[in-house]
């Protein structure tokens, strides 16, 4: 009986989370580009540029943010759980329809990071995490 109850709770929570997911083919997510930039000092390092252009997308009064988490356990990729630092490159406070941010390896003192898009309106929706490694 306990197993059935646990399974029912797990299914309910999973269905709620699935409804609040930003799909990979979403126009919001397609408006974000993450590119590799060659580091000026080290040829084995690639820095990151995160650019966004939401000018052609209907935002429906949603507050968008791009969350970044620098990672200690890079070998786990997107599943990493040991974070050094969390910050946003785009948020309600500094929102612009177009913009970019450069993430520099030596400034962050990290080997990798993961990022996701968060849209807060009547409900909060999040994309999956995307992984970037500074090391080639």
Protein backbone atom coordinates (compact mmCIF):
# COMPACT_ATOMS: atom_id res chain seq x y z
CA UNK A 1 0.00 0.00 0.00
CA UNK A 2 2.85 2.41 0.84
CA UNK A 3 4.48 1.68 -2.51
CA UNK A 4 1.30 2.57 -4.38
CA UNK A 5 0.95 5.80 -2.41
CA UNK A 6 4.58 6.72 -3.06
CA UNK A 7 4.18 5.95 -6.76
CA UNK A 8 1.04 8.11 -6.92
CA UNK A 9 2.81 11.03 -5.21
CA UNK A 10 5.83 10.67 -7.49
CA UNK A 11 3.60 10.61 -10.58
CA UNK A 12 1.72 13.70 -9.42
CA UNK A 13 4.90 15.67 -8.74
CA UNK A 14 6.39 14.57 -12.07
CA UNK A 15 3.28 15.67 -13.98
CA UNK A 16 3.39 19.10 -12.31
CA UNK A 17 7.05 19.54 -13.20
CA UNK A 18 6.47 18.43 -16.79
CA UNK A 19 3.82 21.14 -17.24
CA UNK A 20 6.26 23.85 -16.19
CA UNK A 21 9.06 22.91 -18.57
CA UNK A 22 10.30 25.19 -21.36
CA UNK A 23 10.78 22.88 -24.33
CA UNK A 24 14.04 22.91 -26.30
CA UNK A 25 12.24 24.01 -29.47
CA UNK A 26 10.59 26.96 -27.70
CA UNK A 27 11.02 30.37 -29.39
CA UNK A 28 12.24 31.70 -26.04
CA UNK A 29 15.05 29.16 -25.85
CA UNK A 30 15.92 29.53 -29.53
CA UNK A 31 16.47 33.26 -28.85
CA UNK A 32 19.51 32.43 -26.71
CA UNK A 33 22.88 31.58 -28.24
CA UNK A 34 25.91 30.38 -26.30
CA UNK A 35 29.15 30.60 -28.26
CA UNK A 36 32.74 29.68 -27.58
CA UNK A 37 35.32 32.47 -27.51
CA UNK A 38 39.02 31.71 -27.69
CA UNK A 39 40.84 32.90 -24.56
CA UNK A 40 43.50 35.56 -25.27
CA UNK A 41 46.12 33.99 -22.98
CA UNK A 42 45.59 30.23 -23.12
CA UNK A 43 44.97 28.17 -26.26
CA UNK A 44 43.37 25.31 -24.28
CA UNK A 45 40.69 27.57 -22.76
CA UNK A 46 37.46 28.70 -24.40
CA UNK A 47 35.42 31.43 -22.77
CA UNK A 48 31.67 31.78 -23.28
CA UNK A 49 29.41 34.42 -24.74
CA UNK A 50 25.70 34.19 -23.91
CA UNK A 51 23.63 36.36 -26.26
CA UNK A 52 19.87 36.79 -26.35
CA UNK A 53 17.39 38.51 -28.65
CA UNK A 54 13.77 38.36 -27.49
CA UNK A 55 12.58 41.17 -29.80
CA UNK A 56 10.70 38.76 -32.11
CA UNK A 57 9.15 36.71 -29.29
CA UNK A 58 5.86 37.31 -27.49
CA UNK A 59 6.79 37.52 -23.80
CA UNK A 60 3.23 37.69 -22.37
CA UNK A 61 4.39 39.81 -19.40
CA UNK A 62 6.75 37.05 -18.26
CA UNK A 63 9.88 37.96 -16.33
CA UNK A 64 12.79 36.14 -17.97
CA UNK A 65 16.11 35.31 -16.39
CA UNK A 66 19.13 33.27 -17.40
CA UNK A 67 20.56 31.44 -14.40
CA UNK A 68 24.19 30.30 -14.35
CA UNK A 69 25.82 27.91 -11.90
CA UNK A 70 29.58 27.41 -11.94
CA UNK A 71 30.47 23.81 -11.18
CA UNK A 72 33.15 22.04 -9.14
CA UNK A 73 32.33 18.50 -10.30
CA UNK A 74 32.57 19.07 -14.07
CA UNK A 75 32.90 15.35 -14.77
CA UNK A 76 29.16 15.04 -14.00
CA UNK A 77 28.16 17.45 -16.80
CA UNK A 78 24.55 18.64 -16.60
CA UNK A 79 23.93 16.38 -13.60
CA UNK A 80 26.54 18.20 -11.49
CA UNK A 81 25.49 19.03 -7.96
CA UNK A 82 28.60 20.63 -6.43
CA UNK A 83 28.33 24.33 -7.27
CA UNK A 84 30.80 27.11 -6.70
CA UNK A 85 28.64 30.11 -7.49
CA UNK A 86 25.13 30.93 -8.69
CA UNK A 87 24.18 34.15 -10.51
CA UNK A 88 21.97 35.51 -13.29
CA UNK A 89 23.24 37.17 -16.46
CA UNK A 90 19.73 38.38 -17.28
CA UNK A 91 17.05 39.09 -14.69
CA UNK A 92 14.07 41.31 -13.96
CA UNK A 93 16.43 43.98 -12.58
CA UNK A 94 18.64 44.21 -15.69
CA UNK A 95 16.24 43.00 -18.39
CA UNK A 96 16.75 44.00 -22.02
CA UNK A 97 15.22 42.48 -25.15
CA UNK A 98 18.69 42.17 -26.71
CA UNK A 99 21.99 41.74 -24.99
CA UNK A 100 24.92 39.52 -24.18
CA UNK A 101 27.26 38.59 -21.39
CA UNK A 102 30.74 37.15 -21.54
CA UNK A 103 31.75 34.53 -19.01
CA UNK A 104 35.51 34.47 -18.61
CA UNK A 105 37.22 31.39 -17.20
CA UNK A 106 39.73 33.30 -15.02
CA UNK A 107 37.11 35.71 -13.66
CA UNK A 108 34.81 32.90 -12.57
CA UNK A 109 37.65 30.59 -11.49
CA UNK A 110 35.71 27.58 -12.73
CA UNK A 111 36.28 24.89 -15.34
CA UNK A 112 32.64 24.67 -16.41
CA UNK A 113 29.13 25.93 -15.79
CA UNK A 114 25.54 25.10 -16.55
CA UNK A 115 22.76 27.50 -17.45
CA UNK A 116 19.00 27.55 -17.92
CA UNK A 117 16.18 29.92 -18.82
CA UNK A 118 13.51 30.76 -16.24
CA UNK A 119 10.21 32.42 -17.21
CA UNK A 120 8.05 33.74 -14.37
CA UNK A 121 4.50 34.74 -15.18
CA UNK A 122 1.33 33.31 -13.70
CA UNK A 123 3.45 30.12 -13.39
CA UNK A 124 7.19 29.58 -13.28
CA UNK A 125 8.63 27.61 -16.18
CA UNK A 126 12.22 26.47 -16.54
CA UNK A 127 14.28 24.95 -19.33
CA UNK A 128 16.56 22.00 -18.84
CA UNK A 129 20.14 22.73 -17.82
CA UNK A 130 22.73 23.23 -20.57
CA UNK A 131 26.40 22.48 -19.93
CA UNK A 132 29.49 24.44 -21.05
CA UNK A 133 33.13 23.55 -20.42
CA UNK A 134 35.86 26.21 -20.47
CA UNK A 135 38.48 23.51 -21.09
CA UNK A 136 38.88 22.30 -24.68
